[in-house]
Amino acid sequence: MKYASGLIVLSMLIVGCARPVGRGIADDDASFKIPAIKSAVSEKNAKAIPQLVEDLDSEDAAVRFYAIEGLRRLTGETFGYRFYDNEADRREAVEKWKQWLEAQQ
C-alpha cells in the first residue's frame, strides 16, 4: 500500500510538470512561444516562418524581437523591420514580409 501511494504521488508530480499539449510557436503565451521560436530557429525549421511573420504584429515587443531575429537567421533578411518601432512604422516592413511569404508559396 505504501508503494502504491508513493507511485500515485510521483505520477502526479510528473504529470504536473509536463508541458501542456499544443503549446509552442503558435501559443499566445510568450513564455511558451519564445522558447519554441528559439528551438525552431536553432533547428532551421523553415515551417516556422509563416508564424514568425505573423508574430511581427504581436503586441509583445519580446515576441516581435524573437520573430524578426528568427526570420533574419532563417532567411538572411529583415526588410527594414525594427521590433521597437510603433505599429504604424512597422507596417511597411510587415507588408514586405507578407509579400515575400506569398512569393515563397
PDB file of N, CA and C in Angstrom:
ATOM      1  N   MET A   1       0.827  -1.188   0.000  1.00  0.00           N
ATOM      2  CA  MET A   1       0.000   0.000   0.000  1.00  0.00           C
ATOM      3  C   MET A   1       0.871   1.251   0.000  1.00  0.00           C
ATOM      4  N   LYS A   2       1.970   1.227   0.765  1.00  0.00           N
ATOM      5  CA  LYS A   2       2.883   2.358   0.807  1.00  0.00           C
ATOM      6  C   LYS A   2       3.422   2.672  -0.583  1.00  0.00           C
ATOM      7  N   TYR A   3       3.804   1.619  -1.285  1.00  0.00           N
ATOM      8  CA  TYR A   3       4.394   1.806  -2.610  1.00  0.00           C
ATOM      9  C   TYR A   3       3.373   2.353  -3.598  1.00  0.00           C
ATOM     10  N   ALA A   4       2.148   1.907  -3.480  1.00  0.00           N
ATOM     11  CA  ALA A   4       1.089   2.370  -4.385  1.00  0.00           C
ATOM     12  C   ALA A   4       0.850   3.862  -4.195  1.00  0.00           C
ATOM     13  N   SER A   5       0.778   4.329  -2.925  1.00  0.00           N
ATOM     14  CA  SER A   5       0.560   5.761  -2.721  1.00  0.00           C
ATOM     15  C   SER A   5       1.764   6.564  -3.181  1.00  0.00           C
ATOM     16  N   GLY A   6       2.952   6.028  -3.006  1.00  0.00           N
ATOM     17  CA  GLY A   6       4.154   6.714  -3.480  1.00  0.00           C
ATOM     18  C   GLY A   6       4.153   6.855  -4.994  1.00  0.00           C
ATOM     19  N   LEU A   7       3.718   5.811  -5.674  1.00  0.00           N
ATOM     20  CA  LEU A   7       3.647   5.866  -7.136  1.00  0.00           C
ATOM     21  C   LEU A   7       2.603   6.872  -7.608  1.00  0.00           C
ATOM     22  N   ILE A   8       1.507   6.947  -6.891  1.00  0.00           N
ATOM     23  CA  ILE A   8       0.457   7.909  -7.252  1.00  0.00           C
ATOM     24  C   ILE A   8       0.986   9.331  -7.103  1.00  0.00           C
ATOM     25  N   VAL A   9       1.641   9.607  -5.991  1.00  0.00           N
ATOM     26  CA  VAL A   9       2.194  10.945  -5.760  1.00  0.00           C
ATOM     27  C   VAL A   9       3.248  11.269  -6.818  1.00  0.00           C
ATOM     28  N   LEU A  10       4.121  10.317  -7.085  1.00  0.00           N
ATOM     29  CA  LEU A  10       5.163  10.518  -8.097  1.00  0.00           C
ATOM     30  C   LEU A  10       4.564  10.786  -9.469  1.00  0.00           C
ATOM     31  N   SER A  11       3.556  10.020  -9.847  1.00  0.00           N
ATOM     32  CA  SER A  11       2.937  10.230 -11.161  1.00  0.00           C
ATOM     33  C   SER A  11       2.238  11.583 -11.227  1.00  0.00           C
ATOM     34  N   MET A  12       1.651  12.032 -10.123  1.00  0.00           N
ATOM     35  CA  MET A  12       1.003  13.347 -10.105  1.00  0.00           C
ATOM     36  C   MET A  12       2.043  14.454 -10.277  1.00  0.00           C
ATOM     37  N   LEU A  13       3.196  14.296  -9.657  1.00  0.00           N
ATOM     38  CA  LEU A  13       4.265  15.289  -9.802  1.00  0.00           C
ATOM     39  C   LEU A  13       4.762  15.347 -11.243  1.00  0.00           C
ATOM     40  N   ILE A  14       4.948  14.199 -11.838  1.00  0.00           N
ATOM     41  CA  ILE A  14       5.431  14.148 -13.219  1.00  0.00           C
ATOM     42  C   ILE A  14       4.420  14.777 -14.165  1.00  0.00           C
ATOM     43  N   VAL A  15       3.173  14.431 -14.029  1.00  0.00           N
ATOM     44  CA  VAL A  15       2.127  14.988 -14.888  1.00  0.00           C
ATOM     45  C   VAL A  15       1.999  16.485 -14.650  1.00  0.00           C
ATOM     46  N   GLY A  16       2.111  16.925 -13.414  1.00  0.00           N
ATOM     47  CA  GLY A  16       2.014  18.341 -13.097  1.00  0.00           C
ATOM     48  C   GLY A  16       3.129  19.161 -13.705  1.00  0.00           C
ATOM     49  N   CYS A  17       4.277  18.552 -13.952  1.00  0.00           N
ATOM     50  CA  CYS A  17       5.422  19.256 -14.533  1.00  0.00           C
ATOM     51  C   CYS A  17       5.452  19.170 -16.051  1.00  0.00           C
ATOM     52  N   ALA A  18       4.598  18.370 -16.603  1.00  0.00           N
ATOM     53  CA  ALA A  18       4.611  18.185 -18.053  1.00  0.00           C
ATOM     54  C   ALA A  18       4.143  19.452 -18.755  1.00  0.00           C
ATOM     55  N   ARG A  19       4.721  19.710 -19.892  1.00  0.00           N
ATOM     56  CA  ARG A  19       4.335  20.864 -20.698  1.00  0.00           C
ATOM     57  C   ARG A  19       2.967  20.595 -21.306  1.00  0.00           C
ATOM     58  N   PRO A  20       2.053  21.562 -21.221  1.00  0.00           N
ATOM     59  CA  PRO A  20       0.727  21.350 -21.787  1.00  0.00           C
ATOM     60  C   PRO A  20       0.793  21.048 -23.282  1.00  0.00           C
ATOM     61  N   VAL A  21      -0.028  20.148 -23.722  1.00  0.00           N
ATOM     62  CA  VAL A  21      -0.075  19.754 -25.120  1.00  0.00           C
ATOM     63  C   VAL A  21      -0.503  20.944 -25.981  1.00  0.00           C
ATOM     64  N   GLY A  22       0.131  21.098 -27.136  1.00  0.00           N
ATOM     65  CA  GLY A  22      -0.267  22.145 -28.060  1.00  0.00           C
ATOM     66  C   GLY A  22       0.430  23.470 -27.827  1.00  0.00           C
ATOM     67  N   ARG A  23       1.246  23.548 -26.806  1.00  0.00           N
ATOM     68  CA  ARG A  23       1.957  24.789 -26.538  1.00  0.00           C
ATOM     69  C   ARG A  23       3.194  24.826 -27.416  1.00  0.00           C
ATOM     70  N   GLY A  24       3.461  25.976 -27.985  1.00  0.00           N
ATOM     71  CA  GLY A  24       4.630  26.100 -28.845  1.00  0.00           C
ATOM     72  C   GLY A  24       4.636  27.417 -29.577  1.00  0.00           C
ATOM     73  N   ILE A  25       5.129  27.398 -30.785  1.00  0.00           N
ATOM     74  CA  ILE A  25       5.339  28.619 -31.554  1.00  0.00           C
ATOM     75  C   ILE A  25       4.053  29.383 -31.849  1.00  0.00           C
ATOM     76  N   ALA A  26       2.935  28.706 -31.902  1.00  0.00           N
ATOM     77  CA  ALA A  26       1.660  29.382 -32.175  1.00  0.00           C
ATOM     78  C   ALA A  26       0.934  29.799 -30.898  1.00  0.00           C
ATOM     79  N   ASP A  27       1.533  29.531 -29.750  1.00  0.00           N
ATOM     80  CA  ASP A  27       0.901  29.851 -28.472  1.00  0.00           C
ATOM     81  C   ASP A  27       0.805  31.361 -28.280  1.00  0.00           C
ATOM     82  N   ASP A  28      -0.223  31.809 -27.591  1.00  0.00           N
ATOM     83  CA  ASP A  28      -0.371  33.228 -27.278  1.00  0.00           C
ATOM     84  C   ASP A  28       0.515  33.639 -26.105  1.00  0.00           C
ATOM     85  N   ASP A  29       0.906  32.685 -25.301  1.00  0.00           N
ATOM     86  CA  ASP A  29       1.708  32.942 -24.111  1.00  0.00           C
ATOM     87  C   ASP A  29       3.188  33.015 -24.499  1.00  0.00           C
ATOM     88  N   ALA A  30       3.786  34.189 -24.320  1.00  0.00           N
ATOM     89  CA  ALA A  30       5.183  34.404 -24.711  1.00  0.00           C
ATOM     90  C   ALA A  30       6.140  33.461 -23.987  1.00  0.00           C
ATOM     91  N   SER A  31       5.786  33.025 -22.786  1.00  0.00           N
ATOM     92  CA  SER A  31       6.678  32.131 -22.051  1.00  0.00           C
ATOM     93  C   SER A  31       6.786  30.759 -22.719  1.00  0.00           C
ATOM     94  N   PHE A  32       5.834  30.419 -23.570  1.00  0.00           N
ATOM     95  CA  PHE A  32       5.914  29.192 -24.361  1.00  0.00           C
ATOM     96  C   PHE A  32       6.390  29.499 -25.776  1.00  0.00           C
ATOM     97  N   LYS A  33       5.905  30.610 -26.329  1.00  0.00           N
ATOM     98  CA  LYS A  33       6.205  30.973 -27.711  1.00  0.00           C
ATOM     99  C   LYS A  33       7.694  31.237 -27.924  1.00  0.00           C
ATOM    100  N   ILE A  34       8.316  32.033 -27.062  1.00  0.00           N
ATOM    101  CA  ILE A  34       9.707  32.428 -27.275  1.00  0.00           C
ATOM    102  C   ILE A  34      10.653  31.224 -27.265  1.00  0.00           C
ATOM    103  N   PRO A  35      10.574  30.327 -26.285  1.00  0.00           N
ATOM    104  CA  PRO A  35      11.447  29.147 -26.360  1.00  0.00           C
ATOM    105  C   PRO A  35      11.178  28.301 -27.616  1.00  0.00           C
ATOM    106  N   ALA A  36       9.922  28.249 -28.039  1.00  0.00           N
ATOM    107  CA  ALA A  36       9.591  27.494 -29.253  1.00  0.00           C
ATOM    108  C   ALA A  36      10.200  28.154 -30.487  1.00  0.00           C
ATOM    109  N   ILE A  37      10.184  29.480 -30.530  1.00  0.00           N
ATOM    110  CA  ILE A  37      10.814  30.201 -31.641  1.00  0.00           C
ATOM    111  C   ILE A  37      12.312  29.898 -31.648  1.00  0.00           C
ATOM    112  N   LYS A  38      12.948  30.002 -30.486  1.00  0.00           N
ATOM    113  CA  LYS A  38      14.387  29.742 -30.392  1.00  0.00           C
ATOM    114  C   LYS A  38      14.712  28.324 -30.861  1.00  0.00           C
ATOM    115  N   SER A  39      13.898  27.391 -30.453  1.00  0.00           N
ATOM    116  CA  SER A  39      14.102  25.996 -30.844  1.00  0.00           C
ATOM    117  C   SER A  39      13.936  25.809 -32.349  1.00  0.00           C
ATOM    118  N   ALA A  40      12.881  26.376 -32.906  1.00  0.00           N
ATOM    119  CA  ALA A  40      12.632  26.245 -34.348  1.00  0.00           C
ATOM    120  C   ALA A  40      13.775  26.846 -35.155  1.00  0.00           C
ATOM    121  N   VAL A  41      14.271  27.981 -34.713  1.00  0.00           N
ATOM    122  CA  VAL A  41      15.364  28.642 -35.434  1.00  0.00           C
ATOM    123  C   VAL A  41      16.648  27.825 -35.314  1.00  0.00           C
ATOM    124  N   SER A  42      16.945  27.326 -34.128  1.00  0.00           N
ATOM    125  CA  SER A  42      18.168  26.533 -33.968  1.00  0.00           C
ATOM    126  C   SER A  42      18.111  25.244 -34.787  1.00  0.00           C
ATOM    127  N   GLU A  43      16.898  24.738 -35.012  1.00  0.00           N
ATOM    128  CA  GLU A  43      16.722  23.538 -35.843  1.00  0.00           C
ATOM    129  C   GLU A  43      16.578  23.886 -37.328  1.00  0.00           C
ATOM    130  N   LYS A  44      16.655  25.189 -37.640  1.00  0.00           N
ATOM    131  CA  LYS A  44      16.493  25.697 -39.010  1.00  0.00           C
ATOM    132  C   LYS A  44      15.178  25.213 -39.633  1.00  0.00           C
ATOM    133  N   ASN A  45      14.122  25.302 -38.845  1.00  0.00           N
ATOM    134  CA  ASN A  45      12.796  24.828 -39.238  1.00  0.00           C
ATOM    135  C   ASN A  45      12.069  25.911 -40.050  1.00  0.00           C
ATOM    136  N   ALA A  46      12.132  25.810 -41.356  1.00  0.00           N
ATOM    137  CA  ALA A  46      11.504  26.799 -42.244  1.00  0.00           C
ATOM    138  C   ALA A  46       9.977  26.785 -42.122  1.00  0.00           C
ATOM    139  N   LYS A  47       9.409  25.717 -41.601  1.00  0.00           N
ATOM    140  CA  LYS A  47       7.952  25.663 -41.411  1.00  0.00           C
ATOM    141  C   LYS A  47       7.486  26.692 -40.389  1.00  0.00           C
ATOM    142  N   ALA A  48       8.407  27.211 -39.587  1.00  0.00           N
ATOM    143  CA  ALA A  48       8.067  28.218 -38.578  1.00  0.00           C
ATOM    144  C   ALA A  48       7.930  29.615 -39.182  1.00  0.00           C
ATOM    145  N   ILE A  49       8.427  29.821 -40.380  1.00  0.00           N
ATOM    146  CA  ILE A  49       8.469  31.158 -40.976  1.00  0.00           C
ATOM    147  C   ILE A  49       7.094  31.829 -41.052  1.00  0.00           C
ATOM    148  N   PRO A  50       6.030  31.177 -41.515  1.00  0.00           N
ATOM    149  CA  PRO A  50       4.738  31.869 -41.547  1.00  0.00           C
ATOM    150  C   PRO A  50       4.299  32.389 -40.175  1.00  0.00           C
ATOM    151  N   GLN A  51       4.516  31.604 -39.131  1.00  0.00           N
ATOM    152  CA  GLN A  51       4.152  32.052 -37.785  1.00  0.00           C
ATOM    153  C   GLN A  51       5.040  33.218 -37.353  1.00  0.00           C
ATOM    154  N   LEU A  52       6.316  33.179 -37.702  1.00  0.00           N
ATOM    155  CA  LEU A  52       7.215  34.279 -37.348  1.00  0.00           C
ATOM    156  C   LEU A  52       6.777  35.570 -38.027  1.00  0.00           C
ATOM    157  N   VAL A  53       6.350  35.471 -39.278  1.00  0.00           N
ATOM    158  CA  VAL A  53       5.851  36.655 -39.989  1.00  0.00           C
ATOM    159  C   VAL A  53       4.604  37.180 -39.275  1.00  0.00           C
ATOM    160  N   GLU A  54       3.721  36.298 -38.881  1.00  0.00           N
ATOM    161  CA  GLU A  54       2.523  36.717 -38.146  1.00  0.00           C
ATOM    162  C   GLU A  54       2.901  37.386 -36.826  1.00  0.00           C
ATOM    163  N   ASP A  55       3.931  36.874 -36.168  1.00  0.00           N
ATOM    164  CA  ASP A  55       4.352  37.409 -34.876  1.00  0.00           C
ATOM    165  C   ASP A  55       4.997  38.785 -34.969  1.00  0.00           C
ATOM    166  N   LEU A  56       5.319  39.237 -36.166  1.00  0.00           N
ATOM    167  CA  LEU A  56       5.849  40.589 -36.325  1.00  0.00           C
ATOM    168  C   LEU A  56       4.818  41.632 -35.901  1.00  0.00           C
ATOM    169  N   ASP A  57       3.544  41.249 -35.872  1.00  0.00           N
ATOM    170  CA  ASP A  57       2.457  42.139 -35.445  1.00  0.00           C
ATOM    171  C   ASP A  57       2.063  41.935 -33.983  1.00  0.00           C
ATOM    172  N   SER A  58       2.826  41.153 -33.242  1.00  0.00           N
ATOM    173  CA  SER A  58       2.495  40.881 -31.844  1.00  0.00           C
ATOM    174  C   SER A  58       2.499  42.169 -31.024  1.00  0.00           C
ATOM    175  N   GLU A  59       1.642  42.210 -30.023  1.00  0.00           N
ATOM    176  CA  GLU A  59       1.639  43.333 -29.082  1.00  0.00           C
ATOM    177  C   GLU A  59       2.853  43.269 -28.153  1.00  0.00           C
ATOM    178  N   ASP A  60       3.440  42.098 -28.036  1.00  0.00           N
ATOM    179  CA  ASP A  60       4.575  41.872 -27.135  1.00  0.00           C
ATOM    180  C   ASP A  60       5.888  42.156 -27.867  1.00  0.00           C
ATOM    181  N   ALA A  61       6.623  43.163 -27.413  1.00  0.00           N
ATOM    182  CA  ALA A  61       7.882  43.538 -28.066  1.00  0.00           C
ATOM    183  C   ALA A  61       8.899  42.399 -28.046  1.00  0.00           C
ATOM    184  N   ALA A  62       8.907  41.602 -26.989  1.00  0.00           N
ATOM    185  CA  ALA A  62       9.848  40.478 -26.916  1.00  0.00           C
ATOM    186  C   ALA A  62       9.530  39.441 -27.990  1.00  0.00           C
ATOM    187  N   VAL A  63       8.267  39.177 -28.204  1.00  0.00           N
ATOM    188  CA  VAL A  63       7.864  38.230 -29.253  1.00  0.00           C
ATOM    189  C   VAL A  63       8.286  38.786 -30.617  1.00  0.00           C
ATOM    190  N   ARG A  64       8.054  40.085 -30.840  1.00  0.00           N
ATOM    191  CA  ARG A  64       8.466  40.697 -32.109  1.00  0.00           C
ATOM    192  C   ARG A  64       9.974  40.588 -32.293  1.00  0.00           C
ATOM    193  N   PHE A  65      10.735  40.819 -31.226  1.00  0.00           N
ATOM    194  CA  PHE A  65      12.194  40.712 -31.298  1.00  0.00           C
ATOM    195  C   PHE A  65      12.620  39.310 -31.726  1.00  0.00           C
ATOM    196  N   TYR A  66      12.091  38.297 -31.055  1.00  0.00           N
ATOM    197  CA  TYR A  66      12.473  36.927 -31.392  1.00  0.00           C
ATOM    198  C   TYR A  66      11.973  36.522 -32.778  1.00  0.00           C
ATOM    199  N   ALA A  67      10.833  37.055 -33.181  1.00  0.00           N
ATOM    200  CA  ALA A  67      10.305  36.751 -34.516  1.00  0.00           C
ATOM    201  C   ALA A  67      11.216  37.310 -35.597  1.00  0.00           C
ATOM    202  N   ILE A  68      11.610  38.575 -35.489  1.00  0.00           N
ATOM    203  CA  ILE A  68      12.455  39.147 -36.539  1.00  0.00           C
ATOM    204  C   ILE A  68      13.858  38.566 -36.493  1.00  0.00           C
ATOM    205  N   GLU A  69      14.348  38.301 -35.311  1.00  0.00           N
ATOM    206  CA  GLU A  69      15.674  37.677 -35.223  1.00  0.00           C
ATOM    207  C   GLU A  69      15.645  36.276 -35.828  1.00  0.00           C
ATOM    208  N   GLY A  70      14.570  35.547 -35.573  1.00  0.00           N
ATOM    209  CA  GLY A  70      14.424  34.223 -36.177  1.00  0.00           C
ATOM    210  C   GLY A  70      14.330  34.300 -37.683  1.00  0.00           C
ATOM    211  N   LEU A  71      13.553  35.248 -38.192  1.00  0.00           N
ATOM    212  CA  LEU A  71      13.438  35.420 -39.646  1.00  0.00           C
ATOM    213  C   LEU A  71      14.783  35.797 -40.250  1.00  0.00           C
ATOM    214  N   ARG A  72      15.506  36.677 -39.577  1.00  0.00           N
ATOM    215  CA  ARG A  72      16.822  37.076 -40.086  1.00  0.00           C
ATOM    216  C   ARG A  72      17.760  35.873 -40.152  1.00  0.00           C
ATOM    217  N   ARG A  73      17.740  35.058 -39.121  1.00  0.00           N
ATOM    218  CA  ARG A  73      18.631  33.885 -39.099  1.00  0.00           C
ATOM    219  C   ARG A  73      18.213  32.829 -40.123  1.00  0.00           C
ATOM    220  N   LEU A  74      16.912  32.686 -40.329  1.00  0.00           N
ATOM    221  CA  LEU A  74      16.434  31.671 -41.275  1.00  0.00           C
ATOM    222  C   LEU A  74      16.513  32.119 -42.727  1.00  0.00           C
ATOM    223  N   THR A  75      16.353  33.427 -42.974  1.00  0.00           N
ATOM    224  CA  THR A  75      16.273  33.906 -44.367  1.00  0.00           C
ATOM    225  C   THR A  75      17.392  34.870 -44.749  1.00  0.00           C
ATOM    226  N   GLY A  76      18.054  35.439 -43.756  1.00  0.00           N
ATOM    227  CA  GLY A  76      19.084  36.431 -44.034  1.00  0.00           C
ATOM    228  C   GLY A  76      18.519  37.817 -44.327  1.00  0.00           C
ATOM    229  N   GLU A  77      17.230  38.017 -44.098  1.00  0.00           N
ATOM    230  CA  GLU A  77      16.555  39.266 -44.462  1.00  0.00           C
ATOM    231  C   GLU A  77      15.802  39.847 -43.274  1.00  0.00           C
ATOM    232  N   THR A  78      15.619  41.184 -43.279  1.00  0.00           N
ATOM    233  CA  THR A  78      14.780  41.848 -42.274  1.00  0.00           C
ATOM    234  C   THR A  78      13.755  42.774 -42.927  1.00  0.00           C
ATOM    235  N   PHE A  79      13.987  43.178 -44.166  1.00  0.00           N
ATOM    236  CA  PHE A  79      13.127  44.143 -44.869  1.00  0.00           C
ATOM    237  C   PHE A  79      12.964  45.440 -44.082  1.00  0.00           C
ATOM    238  N   GLY A  80      13.993  45.788 -43.303  1.00  0.00           N
ATOM    239  CA  GLY A  80      13.957  47.036 -42.551  1.00  0.00           C
ATOM    240  C   GLY A  80      13.084  47.009 -41.311  1.00  0.00           C
ATOM    241  N   TYR A  81      12.610  45.848 -40.923  1.00  0.00           N
ATOM    242  CA  TYR A  81      11.735  45.712 -39.749  1.00  0.00           C
ATOM    243  C   TYR A  81      12.534  45.989 -38.475  1.00  0.00           C
ATOM    244  N   ARG A  82      11.963  46.807 -37.606  1.00  0.00           N
ATOM    245  CA  ARG A  82      12.541  47.065 -36.289  1.00  0.00           C
ATOM    246  C   ARG A  82      11.464  46.793 -35.246  1.00  0.00           C
ATOM    247  N   PHE A  83      11.725  45.824 -34.392  1.00  0.00           N
ATOM    248  CA  PHE A  83      10.725  45.367 -33.417  1.00  0.00           C
ATOM    249  C   PHE A  83      10.277  46.473 -32.476  1.00  0.00           C
ATOM    250  N   TYR A  84      11.096  47.458 -32.235  1.00  0.00           N
ATOM    251  CA  TYR A  84      10.799  48.506 -31.267  1.00  0.00           C
ATOM    252  C   TYR A  84      10.009  49.676 -31.852  1.00  0.00           C
ATOM    253  N   ASP A  85       9.837  49.698 -33.166  1.00  0.00           N
ATOM    254  CA  ASP A  85       9.034  50.763 -33.783  1.00  0.00           C
ATOM    255  C   ASP A  85       7.564  50.604 -33.406  1.00  0.00           C
ATOM    256  N   ASN A  86       6.807  51.698 -33.508  1.00  0.00           N
ATOM    257  CA  ASN A  86       5.370  51.591 -33.261  1.00  0.00           C
ATOM    258  C   ASN A  86       4.718  50.870 -34.445  1.00  0.00           C
ATOM    259  N   GLU A  87       3.481  50.500 -34.268  1.00  0.00           N
ATOM    260  CA  GLU A  87       2.786  49.682 -35.267  1.00  0.00           C
ATOM    261  C   GLU A  87       2.780  50.333 -36.647  1.00  0.00           C
ATOM    262  N   ALA A  88       2.504  51.628 -36.703  1.00  0.00           N
ATOM    263  CA  ALA A  88       2.451  52.327 -37.993  1.00  0.00           C
ATOM    264  C   ALA A  88       3.813  52.301 -38.694  1.00  0.00           C
ATOM    265  N   ASP A  89       4.871  52.463 -37.928  1.00  0.00           N
ATOM    266  CA  ASP A  89       6.215  52.460 -38.515  1.00  0.00           C
ATOM    267  C   ASP A  89       6.674  51.056 -38.920  1.00  0.00           C
ATOM    268  N   ARG A  90       6.106  50.027 -38.315  1.00  0.00           N
ATOM    269  CA  ARG A  90       6.450  48.641 -38.676  1.00  0.00           C
ATOM    270  C   ARG A  90       5.664  48.154 -39.890  1.00  0.00           C
ATOM    271  N   ARG A  91       4.553  48.807 -40.204  1.00  0.00           N
ATOM    272  CA  ARG A  91       3.600  48.333 -41.212  1.00  0.00           C
ATOM    273  C   ARG A  91       4.240  48.012 -42.564  1.00  0.00           C
ATOM    274  N   GLU A  92       5.072  48.906 -43.096  1.00  0.00           N
ATOM    275  CA  GLU A  92       5.659  48.695 -44.418  1.00  0.00           C
ATOM    276  C   GLU A  92       6.517  47.430 -44.453  1.00  0.00           C
ATOM    277  N   ALA A  93       7.336  47.247 -43.426  1.00  0.00           N
ATOM    278  CA  ALA A  93       8.191  46.053 -43.381  1.00  0.00           C
ATOM    279  C   ALA A  93       7.356  44.784 -43.229  1.00  0.00           C
ATOM    280  N   VAL A  94       6.302  44.840 -42.430  1.00  0.00           N
ATOM    281  CA  VAL A  94       5.422  43.675 -42.250  1.00  0.00           C
ATOM    282  C   VAL A  94       4.781  43.313 -43.593  1.00  0.00           C
ATOM    283  N   GLU A  95       4.344  44.307 -44.338  1.00  0.00           N
ATOM    284  CA  GLU A  95       3.753  44.044 -45.659  1.00  0.00           C
ATOM    285  C   GLU A  95       4.769  43.415 -46.601  1.00  0.00           C
ATOM    286  N   LYS A  96       6.013  43.867 -46.549  1.00  0.00           N
ATOM    287  CA  LYS A  96       7.070  43.261 -47.372  1.00  0.00           C
ATOM    288  C   LYS A  96       7.262  41.799 -46.994  1.00  0.00           C
ATOM    289  N   TRP A  97       7.227  41.501 -45.687  1.00  0.00           N
ATOM    290  CA  TRP A  97       7.350  40.114 -45.245  1.00  0.00           C
ATOM    291  C   TRP A  97       6.188  39.264 -45.750  1.00  0.00           C
ATOM    292  N   LYS A  98       4.984  39.822 -45.706  1.00  0.00           N
ATOM    293  CA  LYS A  98       3.816  39.073 -46.181  1.00  0.00           C
ATOM    294  C   LYS A  98       3.917  38.812 -47.677  1.00  0.00           C
ATOM    295  N   GLN A  99       4.385  39.796 -48.435  1.00  0.00           N
ATOM    296  CA  GLN A  99       4.564  39.613 -49.880  1.00  0.00           C
ATOM    297  C   GLN A  99       5.650  38.570 -50.148  1.00  0.00           C
ATOM    298  N   TRP A 100       6.720  38.631 -49.393  1.00  0.00           N
ATOM    299  CA  TRP A 100       7.799  37.662 -49.542  1.00  0.00           C
ATOM    300  C   TRP A 100       7.291  36.255 -49.266  1.00  0.00           C
ATOM    301  N   LEU A 101       6.511  36.116 -48.200  1.00  0.00           N
ATOM    302  CA  LEU A 101       5.978  34.815 -47.823  1.00  0.00           C
ATOM    303  C   LEU A 101       5.059  34.267 -48.915  1.00  0.00           C
ATOM    304  N   GLU A 102       4.224  35.132 -49.459  1.00  0.00           N
ATOM    305  CA  GLU A 102       3.323  34.729 -50.548  1.00  0.00           C
ATOM    306  C   GLU A 102       4.117  34.246 -51.765  1.00  0.00           C
ATOM    307  N   ALA A 103       5.187  34.940 -52.067  1.00  0.00           N
ATOM    308  CA  ALA A 103       6.016  34.578 -53.228  1.00  0.00           C
ATOM    309  C   ALA A 103       6.720  33.233 -53.013  1.00  0.00           C
ATOM    310  N   GLN A 104       6.939  32.862 -51.774  1.00  0.00           N
ATOM    311  CA  GLN A 104       7.617  31.584 -51.473  1.00  0.00           C
ATOM    312  C   GLN A 104       6.683  30.393 -51.632  1.00  0.00           C
ATOM    313  N   GLN A 105       5.375  30.658 -51.561  1.00  0.00           N
ATOM    314  CA  GLN A 105       4.414  29.533 -51.576  1.00  0.00           C
ATOM    315  C   GLN A 105       3.895  29.246 -52.923  1.00  0.00           C
TER     316      GLN A 105
END
